[in-house]
Amino acid sequence: MENKWLVGVDLGGTTIKMAFITQYGEIAHKWEIITDISEKGKNITTDIAKAIDSKLEELGESKSKLKALGMGAPGPVNMATGLIYEAVNLGWENYPLKDLLEVETGLPVVVDNDANLAAIGEMWKGAGEGSKDLICVTLGTGVGGGIITNGEIVHGINGAGGEIGHITILPEGGAPCNCGKTGCLETIASATGIVRLAKEAMEKTPGSKLEELAKQEGLTAKLIFEQADTKEEISQFVVDKVASYLGLALANLANAMNPEKIVIGGGVSKAGDKLLDPVRNHFVKYLFPRTKVGVKIAEATLGNDAGVIGAAYLAKTKL
């Protein structure tokens, strides 16, 4: 029993990350396959099952080596049935993911939202360091989140708990978000939002150094953080604006949850302290005194492996 593997699957819009993981959370083998979103994503479960079989064959292992499969998917999930309510990028609606995967793979399957699983991964093996009360925020193309209280993910009444990216941060005059609302945190603190803020600022004050560089190498969040570091004015303005809104949103969450750690991951977090230091400065201004004593903002440590490790933890503990 002890030397059986768990299968962790993290479904993204472009790739599906997969791993065989030990009971102790160590990755034995990891690989990825392309996400086939054609025909409303109907080949995805078959592709996953085939990938597992061919990897086992390649390693000379039999199916009996595998114990269970955990999977993260984008969008809200019905935890009781493993149904994906909707995954916009994949064309899924009320999609019976768990049932289909169990049939295809012959393994017991448990499914949750991808950002939730990244949070669980960080709790088990990453920056959470075994802390049972943490908030995990993923800053990428969008802003995802997972809230863990007393070691359990907060799902809420219909699977949409932890939607940190959709906290309204600008009640008036905010930019439209993919979710249909305006002024969401995601419209500011995502890579897309950071670039948009910089474009708006460059229009107001033409001829900046950032504008010159953007013409040469393209405007990215990475460039903006690098330039903020050299005290380029527009970049500094943008980073401070992003940090102030993110700090405010996280402080309000912390005041509600009283967590030990707030873990920040995703592509944007690669800016490291260039982002986290200004976020911390704004964050502490808005904290309830008692909350302030207990909480630290930390950078995620598992990178792209957080999702598959969290998926394995879910399979290990829930099945």
Protein backbone atom coordinates (compact mmCIF):
# COMPACT_ATOMS: atom_id res chain seq x y z
CA MET A 1 0.00 0.00 0.00
CA GLU A 2 2.74 2.42 1.06
CA ASN A 3 4.68 2.28 -2.19
CA LYS A 4 1.67 2.87 -4.42
CA TRP A 5 1.57 6.07 -6.45
CA LEU A 6 -1.06 8.78 -6.53
CA VAL A 7 -1.79 10.44 -9.87
CA GLY A 8 -1.92 14.23 -9.86
CA VAL A 9 -3.45 16.03 -12.84
CA ASP A 10 -3.59 19.80 -13.34
CA LEU A 11 -5.73 20.81 -16.29
CA GLY A 12 -4.80 24.11 -17.95
CA GLY A 13 -6.07 25.80 -21.09
CA THR A 14 -2.94 24.94 -23.09
CA THR A 15 -1.30 22.02 -21.29
CA ILE A 16 -2.27 19.28 -18.86
CA LYS A 17 0.38 18.70 -16.20
CA MET A 18 0.57 15.15 -14.93
CA ALA A 19 2.58 13.38 -12.24
CA PHE A 20 2.98 10.13 -10.34
CA ILE A 21 3.45 11.11 -6.71
CA THR A 22 4.37 9.07 -3.64
CA GLN A 23 2.26 8.90 -0.47
CA TYR A 24 4.75 11.36 1.03
CA GLY A 25 4.18 14.02 -1.61
CA GLU A 26 7.37 13.43 -3.61
CA ILE A 27 7.11 13.54 -7.39
CA ALA A 28 8.26 10.21 -8.85
CA HIS A 29 7.64 11.19 -12.49
CA LYS A 30 6.10 14.24 -14.11
CA TRP A 31 5.25 15.16 -17.67
CA GLU A 32 2.70 17.15 -19.64
CA ILE A 33 0.44 16.77 -22.63
CA ILE A 34 -1.31 19.30 -24.87
CA THR A 35 -4.89 20.25 -23.93
CA ASP A 36 -7.15 19.36 -26.84
CA ILE A 37 -9.97 21.92 -26.61
CA SER A 38 -11.53 20.93 -29.95
CA GLU A 39 -15.15 19.67 -29.97
CA LYS A 40 -15.85 21.27 -26.58
CA GLY A 41 -13.01 19.42 -24.87
CA LYS A 42 -14.54 15.99 -25.31
CA ASN A 43 -11.16 14.25 -25.88
CA ILE A 44 -9.55 15.50 -22.68
CA THR A 45 -10.47 12.61 -20.37
CA THR A 46 -9.47 9.99 -22.97
CA ASP A 47 -6.17 11.80 -23.54
CA ILE A 48 -5.43 11.72 -19.78
CA ALA A 49 -6.22 7.99 -19.53
CA LYS A 50 -4.03 7.19 -22.55
CA ALA A 51 -1.18 9.31 -21.19
CA ILE A 52 -1.27 7.42 -17.88
CA ASP A 53 -1.22 4.04 -19.62
CA SER A 54 1.63 4.91 -21.96
CA LYS A 55 3.71 6.40 -19.09
CA LEU A 56 3.22 3.22 -17.02
CA GLU A 57 4.28 1.14 -20.02
CA GLU A 58 7.35 3.32 -20.55
CA LEU A 59 8.31 2.84 -16.86
CA GLY A 60 7.58 -0.89 -16.92
CA GLU A 61 4.95 -0.56 -14.18
CA SER A 62 1.47 -2.10 -14.04
CA LYS A 63 -1.81 -0.30 -13.36
CA SER A 64 -1.85 -1.83 -9.85
CA LYS A 65 0.99 0.58 -8.93
CA LEU A 66 -1.59 3.41 -8.94
CA LYS A 67 -3.88 4.07 -6.01
CA ALA A 68 -6.10 7.02 -6.97
CA LEU A 69 -6.25 10.13 -9.10
CA GLY A 70 -6.74 13.75 -8.05
CA MET A 71 -7.41 16.45 -10.60
CA GLY A 72 -7.64 20.22 -10.70
CA ALA A 73 -9.82 21.93 -13.30
CA PRO A 74 -10.43 25.60 -14.09
CA GLY A 75 -13.83 26.80 -12.87
CA PRO A 76 -16.23 25.97 -10.04
CA VAL A 77 -16.62 22.28 -9.15
CA ASN A 78 -19.43 20.40 -7.45
CA MET A 79 -17.46 18.53 -4.79
CA ALA A 80 -20.13 15.91 -4.16
CA THR A 81 -20.43 14.77 -7.79
CA GLY A 82 -17.19 15.94 -9.41
CA LEU A 83 -19.20 17.93 -11.93
CA ILE A 84 -17.60 20.99 -13.52
CA TYR A 85 -20.27 23.71 -13.59
CA GLU A 86 -18.45 25.56 -16.34
CA ALA A 87 -14.95 25.86 -17.70
CA VAL A 88 -15.27 28.73 -20.16
CA ASN A 89 -11.91 28.19 -21.91
CA LEU A 90 -12.60 24.50 -22.53
CA GLY A 91 -16.23 24.68 -23.63
CA TRP A 92 -17.42 22.53 -20.70
CA GLU A 93 -20.78 23.09 -19.06
CA ASN A 94 -22.18 20.83 -16.33
CA TYR A 95 -19.47 18.37 -17.35
CA PRO A 96 -19.36 15.06 -15.39
CA LEU A 97 -15.55 15.06 -15.15
CA LYS A 98 -15.16 12.65 -12.22
CA ASP A 99 -17.50 10.00 -13.66
CA LEU A 100 -15.91 10.13 -17.12
CA LEU A 101 -12.38 9.95 -15.72
CA GLU A 102 -13.22 7.01 -13.46
CA VAL A 103 -14.62 5.10 -16.42
CA GLU A 104 -11.63 5.95 -18.65
CA THR A 105 -8.85 5.34 -16.09
CA GLY A 106 -10.37 2.65 -13.88
CA LEU A 107 -9.15 4.62 -10.84
CA PRO A 108 -11.07 6.34 -8.05
CA VAL A 109 -11.08 10.07 -8.90
CA VAL A 110 -11.54 13.26 -6.92
CA VAL A 111 -11.84 16.67 -8.59
CA ASP A 112 -11.48 20.24 -7.33
CA ASN A 113 -10.81 23.73 -8.67
CA ASP A 114 -7.21 24.22 -9.88
CA ALA A 115 -6.47 27.24 -7.65
CA ASN A 116 -7.79 25.32 -4.64
CA LEU A 117 -5.41 22.48 -5.39
CA ALA A 118 -2.45 24.84 -5.76
CA ALA A 119 -3.32 26.10 -2.27
CA ILE A 120 -3.44 22.54 -0.90
CA GLY A 121 -0.11 21.75 -2.58
CA GLU A 122 1.52 24.77 -0.93
CA MET A 123 0.03 23.75 2.44
CA TRP A 124 1.33 20.16 2.19
CA LYS A 125 4.76 20.61 0.66
CA GLY A 126 5.38 24.29 -0.06
CA ALA A 127 5.38 27.73 1.51
CA GLY A 128 2.53 26.85 3.86
CA GLU A 129 4.90 24.56 5.80
CA GLY A 130 2.06 22.63 7.34
CA SER A 131 0.13 25.73 8.36
CA LYS A 132 -3.58 24.86 8.51
CA ASP A 133 -4.85 28.41 7.97
CA LEU A 134 -3.68 29.98 4.78
CA ILE A 135 -4.80 31.99 1.80
CA CYS A 136 -3.22 31.21 -1.53
CA VAL A 137 -3.35 33.69 -4.41
CA THR A 138 -2.22 32.86 -7.93
CA LEU A 139 -1.35 35.86 -10.07
CA GLY A 140 -1.21 34.81 -13.71
CA THR A 141 -3.25 35.69 -16.78
CA GLY A 142 -6.09 35.91 -14.27
CA VAL A 143 -6.14 35.91 -10.47
CA GLY A 144 -7.04 32.63 -8.76
CA GLY A 145 -7.35 31.86 -5.11
CA GLY A 146 -7.76 29.13 -2.54
CA ILE A 147 -8.66 29.62 1.11
CA ILE A 148 -7.76 26.93 3.63
CA THR A 149 -9.11 27.13 7.13
CA ASN A 150 -8.32 24.49 9.72
CA GLY A 151 -6.74 22.34 6.99
CA GLU A 152 -9.84 22.30 4.77
CA ILE A 153 -10.47 24.18 1.53
CA VAL A 154 -13.38 26.63 1.67
CA HIS A 155 -15.78 25.62 -1.10
CA GLY A 156 -18.89 27.51 -0.05
CA ILE A 157 -22.42 26.52 -0.96
CA ASN A 158 -21.91 25.87 -4.68
CA GLY A 159 -18.21 25.52 -5.33
CA ALA A 160 -17.27 29.17 -5.80
CA GLY A 161 -15.50 29.77 -2.47
CA GLY A 162 -12.09 31.42 -2.69
CA GLU A 163 -12.78 33.49 -5.82
CA ILE A 164 -10.27 36.09 -4.67
CA GLY A 165 -9.79 37.44 -8.19
CA HIS A 166 -13.40 38.61 -8.24
CA ILE A 167 -13.37 40.71 -5.10
CA THR A 168 -14.54 44.12 -6.30
CA ILE A 169 -11.74 46.55 -5.66
CA LEU A 170 -13.08 49.47 -7.73
CA PRO A 171 -16.80 49.89 -7.09
CA GLU A 172 -16.98 52.67 -9.70
CA GLY A 173 -15.17 53.16 -12.98
CA GLY A 174 -13.41 49.79 -12.96
CA ALA A 175 -12.42 47.87 -16.08
CA PRO A 176 -14.68 45.05 -17.30
CA CYS A 177 -13.72 41.54 -16.17
CA ASN A 178 -14.26 38.23 -18.03
CA CYS A 179 -16.69 37.25 -15.29
CA GLY A 180 -19.14 39.94 -16.40
CA LYS A 181 -18.54 42.35 -13.50
CA THR A 182 -16.33 45.43 -13.49
CA GLY A 183 -13.55 46.49 -11.14
CA CYS A 184 -12.52 42.98 -10.03
CA LEU A 185 -9.08 42.48 -8.45
CA GLU A 186 -8.27 40.35 -11.52
CA THR A 187 -8.55 43.44 -13.76
CA ILE A 188 -5.66 45.01 -11.81
CA ALA A 189 -3.39 42.38 -10.26
CA SER A 190 -3.21 39.90 -13.15
CA ALA A 191 -0.47 40.09 -15.80
CA THR A 192 -3.14 41.36 -18.19
CA GLY A 193 -4.27 44.01 -15.71
CA ILE A 194 -0.73 45.24 -15.03
CA VAL A 195 -0.10 45.71 -18.77
CA ARG A 196 -3.42 47.52 -19.17
CA LEU A 197 -2.61 49.95 -16.33
CA ALA A 198 0.77 50.70 -17.90
CA LYS A 199 -0.81 51.36 -21.31
CA GLU A 200 -3.30 53.77 -19.76
CA ALA A 201 -0.53 55.59 -17.90
CA MET A 202 1.64 55.84 -21.04
CA GLU A 203 -1.23 57.40 -22.96
CA LYS A 204 -1.52 60.11 -20.31
CA THR A 205 2.21 60.89 -20.27
CA PRO A 206 3.72 60.10 -23.67
CA GLY A 207 7.46 59.80 -24.31
CA SER A 208 8.42 57.75 -21.26
CA LYS A 209 11.34 55.35 -21.09
CA LEU A 210 8.89 52.49 -20.64
CA GLU A 211 7.19 53.46 -23.90
CA GLU A 212 10.52 53.29 -25.77
CA LEU A 213 11.37 49.88 -24.30
CA ALA A 214 7.86 48.57 -24.94
CA LYS A 215 8.26 49.44 -28.63
CA GLN A 216 11.49 47.43 -28.78
CA GLU A 217 10.64 44.32 -26.79
CA GLY A 218 6.87 44.35 -26.22
CA LEU A 219 5.06 45.41 -23.07
CA THR A 220 4.94 42.68 -20.41
CA ALA A 221 4.41 42.59 -16.65
CA LYS A 222 8.00 41.36 -16.37
CA LEU A 223 9.35 44.46 -18.16
CA ILE A 224 7.26 46.71 -15.91
CA PHE A 225 8.68 45.14 -12.72
CA GLU A 226 12.24 45.34 -14.08
CA GLN A 227 11.80 49.01 -14.93
CA ALA A 228 10.17 49.83 -11.59
CA ASP A 229 13.38 48.53 -10.05
CA THR A 230 15.39 51.15 -11.99
CA LYS A 231 12.98 53.87 -10.73
CA GLU A 232 11.34 54.38 -14.14
CA GLU A 233 8.37 56.58 -13.24
CA ILE A 234 5.44 54.94 -15.03
CA SER A 235 6.52 51.44 -13.99
CA GLN A 236 6.89 52.56 -10.38
CA PHE A 237 3.46 54.15 -10.47
CA VAL A 238 1.89 50.95 -11.88
CA VAL A 239 3.61 48.58 -9.46
CA ASP A 240 2.61 50.76 -6.51
CA LYS A 241 -0.99 50.92 -7.71
CA VAL A 242 -1.15 47.14 -8.15
CA ALA A 243 0.48 46.60 -4.74
CA SER A 244 -1.92 48.97 -3.01
CA TYR A 245 -5.04 47.24 -4.38
CA LEU A 246 -3.64 43.77 -3.78
CA GLY A 247 -2.55 44.74 -0.27
CA LEU A 248 -6.03 46.10 0.48
CA ALA A 249 -7.83 43.00 -0.83
CA LEU A 250 -5.51 40.62 1.04
CA ALA A 251 -5.80 42.60 4.28
CA ASN A 252 -9.58 42.48 4.11
CA LEU A 253 -9.43 38.72 3.55
CA ALA A 254 -6.96 38.36 6.40
CA ASN A 255 -9.23 40.36 8.69
CA ALA A 256 -12.03 37.92 7.88
CA MET A 257 -10.02 34.69 8.03
CA ASN A 258 -7.14 35.41 10.49
CA PRO A 259 -4.67 33.23 8.54
CA GLU A 260 -1.08 32.37 9.41
CA LYS A 261 0.21 32.67 5.86
CA ILE A 262 -0.75 34.36 2.64
CA VAL A 263 1.05 32.56 -0.15
CA ILE A 264 1.45 34.35 -3.48
CA GLY A 265 2.21 32.30 -6.59
CA GLY A 266 1.68 32.33 -10.36
CA GLY A 267 3.73 33.93 -13.14
CA VAL A 268 3.47 37.49 -11.79
CA SER A 269 4.87 36.39 -8.41
CA LYS A 270 8.20 35.65 -10.13
CA ALA A 271 8.85 39.38 -9.61
CA GLY A 272 9.56 38.29 -6.01
CA ASP A 273 10.22 41.07 -3.51
CA LYS A 274 9.88 43.72 -6.24
CA LEU A 275 6.18 42.97 -5.89
CA LEU A 276 5.91 41.49 -2.41
CA ASP A 277 7.68 44.29 -0.51
CA PRO A 278 5.31 47.02 -1.76
CA VAL A 279 2.35 44.64 -1.22
CA ARG A 280 3.48 44.06 2.39
CA ASN A 281 3.80 47.82 2.96
CA HIS A 282 0.21 48.43 1.90
CA PHE A 283 -1.11 45.23 3.50
CA VAL A 284 -0.07 46.10 7.06
CA LYS A 285 -1.82 49.49 6.91
CA TYR A 286 -5.21 47.80 6.60
CA LEU A 287 -4.83 44.96 9.10
CA PHE A 288 -6.74 44.60 12.35
CA PRO A 289 -4.07 44.74 15.12
CA ARG A 290 -4.67 41.18 16.35
CA THR A 291 -4.60 39.79 12.80
CA LYS A 292 -1.30 41.56 12.12
CA VAL A 293 0.46 39.56 14.84
CA GLY A 294 -0.28 36.21 13.21
CA VAL A 295 0.16 36.67 9.48
CA LYS A 296 3.03 36.60 6.97
CA ILE A 297 3.02 37.05 3.20
CA ALA A 298 5.24 34.43 1.57
CA GLU A 299 6.19 33.59 -2.00
CA ALA A 300 4.92 30.23 -3.25
CA THR A 301 7.72 27.66 -3.50
CA LEU A 302 6.28 24.84 -5.63
CA GLY A 303 5.86 26.78 -8.88
CA ASN A 304 4.05 24.75 -11.52
CA ASP A 305 4.10 21.63 -9.36
CA ALA A 306 1.68 23.01 -6.74
CA GLY A 307 -1.41 21.83 -8.63
CA VAL A 308 -0.35 18.22 -9.18
CA ILE A 309 0.92 17.91 -5.58
CA GLY A 310 -2.35 19.33 -4.23
CA ALA A 311 -4.29 16.95 -6.48
CA ALA A 312 -2.34 14.00 -5.08
CA TYR A 313 -3.00 15.18 -1.50
CA LEU A 314 -6.71 15.34 -2.28
CA ALA A 315 -6.63 11.80 -3.70
CA LYS A 316 -4.68 10.57 -0.67
CA THR A 317 -6.94 12.15 1.95
CA LYS A 318 -10.40 12.06 0.35
CA LEU A 319 -10.49 8.64 -1.30
